Amino acid sequence: AKDYVQSHLSDVSLDTAAISVHLSPGYFSRLFHKITGMTFSDYLTQSRMKRAAELLKNIDFKTYEIALMVGYDNPKNFTRAFKQYYKITPREFRDNSIQK
């Protein structure tokens, strides 16, 4: 399931991840939490934010493109989620990454 999430960040959901391992969404959710110690939603957010951070180091991608690549249709929602996760905006993250 984790591999599925990593390879489908732009369009994964609890339902699609559960289907990928042939489980019902409810059972999958409980089992995922029991095995990993985190909710599927938290894992998905963590995976998306880590991938976004990697992509932001490449100046060839615009922020809105990265948002789409990691599953956010709305760039403002992506920026809000990124800032909540990393405590800085994607722009600030990119600027700090480029300076190093």
PDB file of N, CA and C in Angstrom:
ATOM      1  N   ALA A   1       0.829  -1.199   0.000  1.00  0.00           N
ATOM      2  CA  ALA A   1       0.000   0.000   0.000  1.00  0.00           C
ATOM      3  C   ALA A   1       0.869   1.257   0.000  1.00  0.00           C
ATOM      4  N   LYS A   2       1.972   1.226   0.760  1.00  0.00           N
ATOM      5  CA  LYS A   2       2.859   2.385   0.788  1.00  0.00           C
ATOM      6  C   LYS A   2       3.480   2.623  -0.589  1.00  0.00           C
ATOM      7  N   ASP A   3       3.872   1.556  -1.260  1.00  0.00           N
ATOM      8  CA  ASP A   3       4.421   1.690  -2.609  1.00  0.00           C
ATOM      9  C   ASP A   3       3.381   2.289  -3.554  1.00  0.00           C
ATOM     10  N   TYR A   4       2.139   1.846  -3.408  1.00  0.00           N
ATOM     11  CA  TYR A   4       1.064   2.364  -4.239  1.00  0.00           C
ATOM     12  C   TYR A   4       0.909   3.869  -4.012  1.00  0.00           C
ATOM     13  N   VAL A   5       0.916   4.282  -2.758  1.00  0.00           N
ATOM     14  CA  VAL A   5       0.783   5.704  -2.433  1.00  0.00           C
ATOM     15  C   VAL A   5       1.919   6.486  -3.077  1.00  0.00           C
ATOM     16  N   GLN A   6       3.149   6.013  -2.903  1.00  0.00           N
ATOM     17  CA  GLN A   6       4.309   6.737  -3.430  1.00  0.00           C
ATOM     18  C   GLN A   6       4.252   6.889  -4.949  1.00  0.00           C
ATOM     19  N   SER A   7       3.731   5.902  -5.633  1.00  0.00           N
ATOM     20  CA  SER A   7       3.696   5.975  -7.097  1.00  0.00           C
ATOM     21  C   SER A   7       2.426   6.615  -7.647  1.00  0.00           C
ATOM     22  N   HIS A   8       1.478   6.941  -6.785  1.00  0.00           N
ATOM     23  CA  HIS A   8       0.225   7.559  -7.230  1.00  0.00           C
ATOM     24  C   HIS A   8      -0.135   8.802  -6.409  1.00  0.00           C
ATOM     25  N   LEU A   9       0.839   9.585  -5.992  1.00  0.00           N
ATOM     26  CA  LEU A   9       0.577  10.734  -5.126  1.00  0.00           C
ATOM     27  C   LEU A   9      -0.427  11.715  -5.710  1.00  0.00           C
ATOM     28  N   SER A  10      -0.440  11.845  -7.012  1.00  0.00           N
ATOM     29  CA  SER A  10      -1.318  12.851  -7.612  1.00  0.00           C
ATOM     30  C   SER A  10      -2.791  12.456  -7.606  1.00  0.00           C
ATOM     31  N   ASP A  11      -3.079  11.172  -7.440  1.00  0.00           N
ATOM     32  CA  ASP A  11      -4.490  10.767  -7.523  1.00  0.00           C
ATOM     33  C   ASP A  11      -4.870   9.638  -6.563  1.00  0.00           C
ATOM     34  N   VAL A  12      -4.173   9.513  -5.470  1.00  0.00           N
ATOM     35  CA  VAL A  12      -4.469   8.440  -4.530  1.00  0.00           C
ATOM     36  C   VAL A  12      -5.493   8.910  -3.486  1.00  0.00           C
ATOM     37  N   SER A  13      -6.271   7.968  -3.011  1.00  0.00           N
ATOM     38  CA  SER A  13      -7.212   8.222  -1.926  1.00  0.00           C
ATOM     39  C   SER A  13      -7.243   6.968  -1.056  1.00  0.00           C
ATOM     40  N   LEU A  14      -7.902   7.055   0.063  1.00  0.00           N
ATOM     41  CA  LEU A  14      -8.058   5.886   0.927  1.00  0.00           C
ATOM     42  C   LEU A  14      -8.708   4.751   0.141  1.00  0.00           C
ATOM     43  N   ASP A  15      -9.730   5.078  -0.619  1.00  0.00           N
ATOM     44  CA  ASP A  15     -10.438   4.049  -1.389  1.00  0.00           C
ATOM     45  C   ASP A  15      -9.546   3.378  -2.424  1.00  0.00           C
ATOM     46  N   THR A  16      -8.789   4.172  -3.180  1.00  0.00           N
ATOM     47  CA  THR A  16      -7.942   3.569  -4.213  1.00  0.00           C
ATOM     48  C   THR A  16      -6.802   2.765  -3.606  1.00  0.00           C
ATOM     49  N   ALA A  17      -6.261   3.238  -2.490  1.00  0.00           N
ATOM     50  CA  ALA A  17      -5.192   2.485  -1.819  1.00  0.00           C
ATOM     51  C   ALA A  17      -5.737   1.165  -1.277  1.00  0.00           C
ATOM     52  N   ALA A  18      -6.936   1.191  -0.707  1.00  0.00           N
ATOM     53  CA  ALA A  18      -7.548  -0.031  -0.184  1.00  0.00           C
ATOM     54  C   ALA A  18      -7.813  -1.025  -1.309  1.00  0.00           C
ATOM     55  N   ILE A  19      -8.326  -0.534  -2.418  1.00  0.00           N
ATOM     56  CA  ILE A  19      -8.585  -1.401  -3.568  1.00  0.00           C
ATOM     57  C   ILE A  19      -7.287  -2.036  -4.071  1.00  0.00           C
ATOM     58  N   SER A  20      -6.193  -1.274  -4.023  1.00  0.00           N
ATOM     59  CA  SER A  20      -4.919  -1.790  -4.531  1.00  0.00           C
ATOM     60  C   SER A  20      -4.413  -2.988  -3.741  1.00  0.00           C
ATOM     61  N   VAL A  21      -4.848  -3.113  -2.487  1.00  0.00           N
ATOM     62  CA  VAL A  21      -4.435  -4.259  -1.666  1.00  0.00           C
ATOM     63  C   VAL A  21      -5.620  -5.184  -1.355  1.00  0.00           C
ATOM     64  N   HIS A  22      -6.712  -5.001  -2.093  1.00  0.00           N
ATOM     65  CA  HIS A  22      -7.883  -5.879  -2.026  1.00  0.00           C
ATOM     66  C   HIS A  22      -8.526  -5.931  -0.635  1.00  0.00           C
ATOM     67  N   LEU A  23      -8.666  -4.743  -0.016  1.00  0.00           N
ATOM     68  CA  LEU A  23      -9.320  -4.646   1.287  1.00  0.00           C
ATOM     69  C   LEU A  23     -10.405  -3.579   1.227  1.00  0.00           C
ATOM     70  N   SER A  24     -11.342  -3.673   2.145  1.00  0.00           N
ATOM     71  CA  SER A  24     -12.349  -2.613   2.238  1.00  0.00           C
ATOM     72  C   SER A  24     -11.671  -1.375   2.822  1.00  0.00           C
ATOM     73  N   PRO A  25     -12.148  -0.188   2.474  1.00  0.00           N
ATOM     74  CA  PRO A  25     -11.530   1.033   3.001  1.00  0.00           C
ATOM     75  C   PRO A  25     -11.498   1.089   4.532  1.00  0.00           C
ATOM     76  N   GLY A  26     -12.563   0.676   5.170  1.00  0.00           N
ATOM     77  CA  GLY A  26     -12.611   0.714   6.634  1.00  0.00           C
ATOM     78  C   GLY A  26     -11.581  -0.196   7.274  1.00  0.00           C
ATOM     79  N   TYR A  27     -11.525  -1.431   6.789  1.00  0.00           N
ATOM     80  CA  TYR A  27     -10.566  -2.389   7.329  1.00  0.00           C
ATOM     81  C   TYR A  27      -9.135  -1.949   7.009  1.00  0.00           C
ATOM     82  N   PHE A  28      -8.926  -1.489   5.787  1.00  0.00           N
ATOM     83  CA  PHE A  28      -7.606  -1.010   5.394  1.00  0.00           C
ATOM     84  C   PHE A  28      -7.142   0.126   6.300  1.00  0.00           C
ATOM     85  N   SER A  29      -8.039   1.062   6.563  1.00  0.00           N
ATOM     86  CA  SER A  29      -7.703   2.208   7.406  1.00  0.00           C
ATOM     87  C   SER A  29      -7.267   1.760   8.799  1.00  0.00           C
ATOM     88  N   ARG A  30      -8.033   0.870   9.399  1.00  0.00           N
ATOM     89  CA  ARG A  30      -7.694   0.369  10.745  1.00  0.00           C
ATOM     90  C   ARG A  30      -6.381  -0.400  10.731  1.00  0.00           C
ATOM     91  N   LEU A  31      -6.200  -1.252   9.737  1.00  0.00           N
ATOM     92  CA  LEU A  31      -4.990  -2.060   9.633  1.00  0.00           C
ATOM     93  C   LEU A  31      -3.759  -1.174   9.372  1.00  0.00           C
ATOM     94  N   PHE A  32      -3.914  -0.186   8.513  1.00  0.00           N
ATOM     95  CA  PHE A  32      -2.816   0.735   8.205  1.00  0.00           C
ATOM     96  C   PHE A  32      -2.362   1.437   9.480  1.00  0.00           C
ATOM     97  N   HIS A  33      -3.311   1.918  10.251  1.00  0.00           N
ATOM     98  CA  HIS A  33      -2.986   2.619  11.495  1.00  0.00           C
ATOM     99  C   HIS A  33      -2.319   1.685  12.496  1.00  0.00           C
ATOM    100  N   LYS A  34      -2.823   0.480  12.582  1.00  0.00           N
ATOM    101  CA  LYS A  34      -2.261  -0.503  13.526  1.00  0.00           C
ATOM    102  C   LYS A  34      -0.814  -0.840  13.156  1.00  0.00           C
ATOM    103  N   ILE A  35      -0.535  -1.005  11.875  1.00  0.00           N
ATOM    104  CA  ILE A  35       0.802  -1.412  11.425  1.00  0.00           C
ATOM    105  C   ILE A  35       1.789  -0.250  11.423  1.00  0.00           C
ATOM    106  N   THR A  36       1.359   0.915  10.970  1.00  0.00           N
ATOM    107  CA  THR A  36       2.288   2.035  10.806  1.00  0.00           C
ATOM    108  C   THR A  36       2.313   2.992  11.994  1.00  0.00           C
ATOM    109  N   GLY A  37       1.257   2.982  12.789  1.00  0.00           N
ATOM    110  CA  GLY A  37       1.176   3.923  13.901  1.00  0.00           C
ATOM    111  C   GLY A  37       0.697   5.301  13.494  1.00  0.00           C
ATOM    112  N   MET A  38       0.304   5.447  12.236  1.00  0.00           N
ATOM    113  CA  MET A  38      -0.229   6.728  11.774  1.00  0.00           C
ATOM    114  C   MET A  38      -1.449   6.489  10.887  1.00  0.00           C
ATOM    115  N   THR A  39      -2.304   7.485  10.828  1.00  0.00           N
ATOM    116  CA  THR A  39      -3.480   7.345   9.985  1.00  0.00           C
ATOM    117  C   THR A  39      -3.062   7.398   8.525  1.00  0.00           C
ATOM    118  N   PHE A  40      -3.916   6.861   7.666  1.00  0.00           N
ATOM    119  CA  PHE A  40      -3.624   6.911   6.234  1.00  0.00           C
ATOM    120  C   PHE A  40      -3.529   8.360   5.777  1.00  0.00           C
ATOM    121  N   SER A  41      -4.417   9.188   6.262  1.00  0.00           N
ATOM    122  CA  SER A  41      -4.416  10.605   5.883  1.00  0.00           C
ATOM    123  C   SER A  41      -3.105  11.281   6.273  1.00  0.00           C
ATOM    124  N   ASP A  42      -2.615  11.014   7.479  1.00  0.00           N
ATOM    125  CA  ASP A  42      -1.342  11.600   7.914  1.00  0.00           C
ATOM    126  C   ASP A  42      -0.189  11.085   7.058  1.00  0.00           C
ATOM    127  N   TYR A  43      -0.214   9.799   6.739  1.00  0.00           N
ATOM    128  CA  TYR A  43       0.835   9.229   5.893  1.00  0.00           C
ATOM    129  C   TYR A  43       0.810   9.858   4.500  1.00  0.00           C
ATOM    130  N   LEU A  44      -0.379  10.022   3.958  1.00  0.00           N
ATOM    131  CA  LEU A  44      -0.515  10.624   2.633  1.00  0.00           C
ATOM    132  C   LEU A  44       0.004  12.061   2.637  1.00  0.00           C
ATOM    133  N   THR A  45      -0.367  12.827   3.647  1.00  0.00           N
ATOM    134  CA  THR A  45       0.116  14.205   3.744  1.00  0.00           C
ATOM    135  C   THR A  45       1.635  14.238   3.866  1.00  0.00           C
ATOM    136  N   GLN A  46       2.186  13.397   4.726  1.00  0.00           N
ATOM    137  CA  GLN A  46       3.638  13.330   4.895  1.00  0.00           C
ATOM    138  C   GLN A  46       4.324  12.984   3.571  1.00  0.00           C
ATOM    139  N   SER A  47       3.802  12.015   2.866  1.00  0.00           N
ATOM    140  CA  SER A  47       4.388  11.600   1.591  1.00  0.00           C
ATOM    141  C   SER A  47       4.323  12.718   0.565  1.00  0.00           C
ATOM    142  N   ARG A  48       3.189  13.396   0.508  1.00  0.00           N
ATOM    143  CA  ARG A  48       3.034  14.497  -0.453  1.00  0.00           C
ATOM    144  C   ARG A  48       3.980  15.646  -0.125  1.00  0.00           C
ATOM    145  N   MET A  49       4.114  15.972   1.149  1.00  0.00           N
ATOM    146  CA  MET A  49       4.977  17.083   1.534  1.00  0.00           C
ATOM    147  C   MET A  49       6.448  16.764   1.281  1.00  0.00           C
ATOM    148  N   LYS A  50       6.868  15.548   1.561  1.00  0.00           N
ATOM    149  CA  LYS A  50       8.263  15.173   1.305  1.00  0.00           C
ATOM    150  C   LYS A  50       8.574  15.211  -0.188  1.00  0.00           C
ATOM    151  N   ARG A  51       7.643  14.715  -0.991  1.00  0.00           N
ATOM    152  CA  ARG A  51       7.841  14.742  -2.447  1.00  0.00           C
ATOM    153  C   ARG A  51       7.841  16.186  -2.955  1.00  0.00           C
ATOM    154  N   ALA A  52       6.960  17.000  -2.432  1.00  0.00           N
ATOM    155  CA  ALA A  52       6.914  18.411  -2.835  1.00  0.00           C
ATOM    156  C   ALA A  52       8.225  19.106  -2.489  1.00  0.00           C
ATOM    157  N   ALA A  53       8.772  18.816  -1.327  1.00  0.00           N
ATOM    158  CA  ALA A  53      10.045  19.420  -0.921  1.00  0.00           C
ATOM    159  C   ALA A  53      11.155  19.034  -1.893  1.00  0.00           C
ATOM    160  N   GLU A  54      11.167  17.781  -2.313  1.00  0.00           N
ATOM    161  CA  GLU A  54      12.164  17.341  -3.304  1.00  0.00           C
ATOM    162  C   GLU A  54      11.987  18.107  -4.611  1.00  0.00           C
ATOM    163  N   LEU A  55      10.745  18.215  -5.057  1.00  0.00           N
ATOM    164  CA  LEU A  55      10.460  18.876  -6.332  1.00  0.00           C
ATOM    165  C   LEU A  55      10.755  20.373  -6.286  1.00  0.00           C
ATOM    166  N   LEU A  56      10.573  20.989  -5.143  1.00  0.00           N
ATOM    167  CA  LEU A  56      10.814  22.429  -5.029  1.00  0.00           C
ATOM    168  C   LEU A  56      12.293  22.778  -5.213  1.00  0.00           C
ATOM    169  N   LYS A  57      13.161  21.819  -5.032  1.00  0.00           N
ATOM    170  CA  LYS A  57      14.592  22.063  -5.225  1.00  0.00           C
ATOM    171  C   LYS A  57      14.947  22.190  -6.708  1.00  0.00           C
ATOM    172  N   ASN A  58      14.027  21.778  -7.563  1.00  0.00           N
ATOM    173  CA  ASN A  58      14.209  21.881  -9.008  1.00  0.00           C
ATOM    174  C   ASN A  58      13.465  23.119  -9.497  1.00  0.00           C
ATOM    175  N   ILE A  59      14.207  24.130  -9.925  1.00  0.00           N
ATOM    176  CA  ILE A  59      13.567  25.390 -10.313  1.00  0.00           C
ATOM    177  C   ILE A  59      12.835  25.304 -11.648  1.00  0.00           C
ATOM    178  N   ASP A  60      12.928  24.157 -12.319  1.00  0.00           N
ATOM    179  CA  ASP A  60      12.211  23.998 -13.591  1.00  0.00           C
ATOM    180  C   ASP A  60      10.704  23.860 -13.392  1.00  0.00           C
ATOM    181  N   PHE A  61      10.293  23.490 -12.189  1.00  0.00           N
ATOM    182  CA  PHE A  61       8.868  23.310 -11.907  1.00  0.00           C
ATOM    183  C   PHE A  61       8.308  24.520 -11.184  1.00  0.00           C
ATOM    184  N   LYS A  62       7.169  24.978 -11.638  1.00  0.00           N
ATOM    185  CA  LYS A  62       6.450  26.044 -10.950  1.00  0.00           C
ATOM    186  C   LYS A  62       5.703  25.443  -9.753  1.00  0.00           C
ATOM    187  N   THR A  63       5.416  26.262  -8.785  1.00  0.00           N
ATOM    188  CA  THR A  63       4.754  25.771  -7.575  1.00  0.00           C
ATOM    189  C   THR A  63       3.408  25.133  -7.890  1.00  0.00           C
ATOM    190  N   TYR A  64       2.644  25.732  -8.790  1.00  0.00           N
ATOM    191  CA  TYR A  64       1.342  25.158  -9.114  1.00  0.00           C
ATOM    192  C   TYR A  64       1.482  23.799  -9.804  1.00  0.00           C
ATOM    193  N   GLU A  65       2.570  23.603 -10.562  1.00  0.00           N
ATOM    194  CA  GLU A  65       2.819  22.309 -11.196  1.00  0.00           C
ATOM    195  C   GLU A  65       3.145  21.258 -10.141  1.00  0.00           C
ATOM    196  N   ILE A  66       3.933  21.643  -9.169  1.00  0.00           N
ATOM    197  CA  ILE A  66       4.272  20.729  -8.076  1.00  0.00           C
ATOM    198  C   ILE A  66       3.019  20.370  -7.294  1.00  0.00           C
ATOM    199  N   ALA A  67       2.167  21.353  -7.054  1.00  0.00           N
ATOM    200  CA  ALA A  67       0.906  21.094  -6.351  1.00  0.00           C
ATOM    201  C   ALA A  67       0.125  19.997  -7.067  1.00  0.00           C
ATOM    202  N   LEU A  68       0.011  20.093  -8.374  1.00  0.00           N
ATOM    203  CA  LEU A  68      -0.698  19.073  -9.148  1.00  0.00           C
ATOM    204  C   LEU A  68       0.000  17.719  -9.086  1.00  0.00           C
ATOM    205  N   MET A  69       1.333  17.734  -9.145  1.00  0.00           N
ATOM    206  CA  MET A  69       2.098  16.488  -9.124  1.00  0.00           C
ATOM    207  C   MET A  69       1.909  15.701  -7.827  1.00  0.00           C
ATOM    208  N   VAL A  70       1.663  16.417  -6.738  1.00  0.00           N
ATOM    209  CA  VAL A  70       1.518  15.732  -5.452  1.00  0.00           C
ATOM    210  C   VAL A  70       0.066  15.642  -4.984  1.00  0.00           C
ATOM    211  N   GLY A  71      -0.863  15.963  -5.876  1.00  0.00           N
ATOM    212  CA  GLY A  71      -2.266  15.695  -5.577  1.00  0.00           C
ATOM    213  C   GLY A  71      -3.124  16.846  -5.104  1.00  0.00           C
ATOM    214  N   TYR A  72      -2.681  18.066  -5.295  1.00  0.00           N
ATOM    215  CA  TYR A  72      -3.488  19.223  -4.915  1.00  0.00           C
ATOM    216  C   TYR A  72      -3.975  19.923  -6.167  1.00  0.00           C
ATOM    217  N   ASP A  73      -5.292  19.963  -6.372  1.00  0.00           N
ATOM    218  CA  ASP A  73      -5.856  20.640  -7.534  1.00  0.00           C
ATOM    219  C   ASP A  73      -5.780  22.158  -7.396  1.00  0.00           C
ATOM    220  N   ASN A  74      -5.777  22.619  -6.155  1.00  0.00           N
ATOM    221  CA  ASN A  74      -5.772  24.048  -5.888  1.00  0.00           C
ATOM    222  C   ASN A  74      -4.419  24.438  -5.273  1.00  0.00           C
ATOM    223  N   PRO A  75      -3.643  25.281  -5.968  1.00  0.00           N
ATOM    224  CA  PRO A  75      -2.332  25.679  -5.442  1.00  0.00           C
ATOM    225  C   PRO A  75      -2.400  26.358  -4.070  1.00  0.00           C
ATOM    226  N   LYS A  76      -3.485  27.072  -3.795  1.00  0.00           N
ATOM    227  CA  LYS A  76      -3.621  27.726  -2.483  1.00  0.00           C
ATOM    228  C   LYS A  76      -3.751  26.686  -1.368  1.00  0.00           C
ATOM    229  N   ASN A  77      -4.484  25.610  -1.647  1.00  0.00           N
ATOM    230  CA  ASN A  77      -4.593  24.541  -0.652  1.00  0.00           C
ATOM    231  C   ASN A  77      -3.241  23.866  -0.438  1.00  0.00           C
ATOM    232  N   PHE A  78      -2.492  23.700  -1.516  1.00  0.00           N
ATOM    233  CA  PHE A  78      -1.150  23.130  -1.413  1.00  0.00           C
ATOM    234  C   PHE A  78      -0.262  24.020  -0.552  1.00  0.00           C
ATOM    235  N   THR A  79      -0.269  25.311  -0.828  1.00  0.00           N
ATOM    236  CA  THR A  79       0.565  26.240  -0.064  1.00  0.00           C
ATOM    237  C   THR A  79       0.186  26.219   1.404  1.00  0.00           C
ATOM    238  N   ARG A  80      -1.098  26.189   1.685  1.00  0.00           N
ATOM    239  CA  ARG A  80      -1.573  26.144   3.073  1.00  0.00           C
ATOM    240  C   ARG A  80      -1.098  24.863   3.762  1.00  0.00           C
ATOM    241  N   ALA A  81      -1.237  23.724   3.092  1.00  0.00           N
ATOM    242  CA  ALA A  81      -0.818  22.447   3.667  1.00  0.00           C
ATOM    243  C   ALA A  81       0.695  22.397   3.849  1.00  0.00           C
ATOM    244  N   PHE A  82       1.432  22.912   2.876  1.00  0.00           N
ATOM    245  CA  PHE A  82       2.890  22.920   2.950  1.00  0.00           C
ATOM    246  C   PHE A  82       3.354  23.770   4.128  1.00  0.00           C
ATOM    247  N   LYS A  83       2.751  24.939   4.274  1.00  0.00           N
ATOM    248  CA  LYS A  83       3.131  25.828   5.371  1.00  0.00           C
ATOM    249  C   LYS A  83       2.778  25.211   6.725  1.00  0.00           C
ATOM    250  N   GLN A  84       1.658  24.544   6.801  1.00  0.00           N
ATOM    251  CA  GLN A  84       1.275  23.892   8.053  1.00  0.00           C
ATOM    252  C   GLN A  84       2.270  22.775   8.387  1.00  0.00           C
ATOM    253  N   TYR A  85       2.752  22.070   7.386  1.00  0.00           N
ATOM    254  CA  TYR A  85       3.656  20.938   7.604  1.00  0.00           C
ATOM    255  C   TYR A  85       5.084  21.398   7.910  1.00  0.00           C
ATOM    256  N   TYR A  86       5.613  22.334   7.100  1.00  0.00           N
ATOM    257  CA  TYR A  86       7.004  22.762   7.230  1.00  0.00           C
ATOM    258  C   TYR A  86       7.195  24.097   7.959  1.00  0.00           C
ATOM    259  N   LYS A  87       6.106  24.790   8.245  1.00  0.00           N
ATOM    260  CA  LYS A  87       6.142  26.095   8.932  1.00  0.00           C
ATOM    261  C   LYS A  87       6.722  27.219   8.073  1.00  0.00           C
ATOM    262  N   ILE A  88       6.909  26.963   6.782  1.00  0.00           N
ATOM    263  CA  ILE A  88       7.298  27.999   5.825  1.00  0.00           C
ATOM    264  C   ILE A  88       6.561  27.725   4.515  1.00  0.00           C
ATOM    265  N   THR A  89       6.452  28.743   3.677  1.00  0.00           N
ATOM    266  CA  THR A  89       5.757  28.574   2.404  1.00  0.00           C
ATOM    267  C   THR A  89       6.644  27.828   1.411  1.00  0.00           C
ATOM    268  N   PRO A  90       6.051  27.279   0.364  1.00  0.00           N
ATOM    269  CA  PRO A  90       6.868  26.649  -0.672  1.00  0.00           C
ATOM    270  C   PRO A  90       7.910  27.604  -1.259  1.00  0.00           C
ATOM    271  N   ARG A  91       7.558  28.861  -1.436  1.00  0.00           N
ATOM    272  CA  ARG A  91       8.493  29.855  -1.971  1.00  0.00           C
ATOM    273  C   ARG A  91       9.686  30.022  -1.027  1.00  0.00           C
ATOM    274  N   GLU A  92       9.414  30.152   0.268  1.00  0.00           N
ATOM    275  CA  GLU A  92      10.498  30.299   1.249  1.00  0.00           C
ATOM    276  C   GLU A  92      11.376  29.042   1.266  1.00  0.00           C
ATOM    277  N   PHE A  93      10.737  27.877   1.176  1.00  0.00           N
ATOM    278  CA  PHE A  93      11.489  26.619   1.151  1.00  0.00           C
ATOM    279  C   PHE A  93      12.417  26.583  -0.054  1.00  0.00           C
ATOM    280  N   ARG A  94      11.866  26.946  -1.203  1.00  0.00           N
ATOM    281  CA  ARG A  94      12.664  26.943  -2.435  1.00  0.00           C
ATOM    282  C   ARG A  94      13.817  27.937  -2.334  1.00  0.00           C
ATOM    283  N   ASP A  95      13.530  29.129  -1.858  1.00  0.00           N
ATOM    284  CA  ASP A  95      14.582  30.140  -1.720  1.00  0.00           C
ATOM    285  C   ASP A  95      15.682  29.655  -0.789  1.00  0.00           C
ATOM    286  N   ASN A  96      15.322  29.029   0.315  1.00  0.00           N
ATOM    287  CA  ASN A  96      16.318  28.505   1.256  1.00  0.00           C
ATOM    288  C   ASN A  96      17.108  27.358   0.630  1.00  0.00           C
ATOM    289  N   SER A  97      16.467  26.532  -0.175  1.00  0.00           N
ATOM    290  CA  SER A  97      17.133  25.396  -0.813  1.00  0.00           C
ATOM    291  C   SER A  97      18.121  25.841  -1.873  1.00  0.00           C
ATOM    292  N   ILE A  98      17.765  26.881  -2.607  1.00  0.00           N
ATOM    293  CA  ILE A  98      18.619  27.367  -3.690  1.00  0.00           C
ATOM    294  C   ILE A  98      19.857  28.055  -3.126  1.00  0.00           C
ATOM    295  N   GLN A  99      19.712  28.746  -2.001  1.00  0.00           N
ATOM    296  CA  GLN A  99      20.841  29.465  -1.415  1.00  0.00           C
ATOM    297  C   GLN A  99      21.920  28.528  -0.883  1.00  0.00           C
ATOM    298  N   LYS A 100      21.550  27.301  -0.570  1.00  0.00           N
ATOM    299  CA  LYS A 100      22.511  26.366   0.031  1.00  0.00           C
ATOM    300  C   LYS A 100      23.355  25.681  -1.000  1.00  0.00           C
TER     301      LYS A 100
END
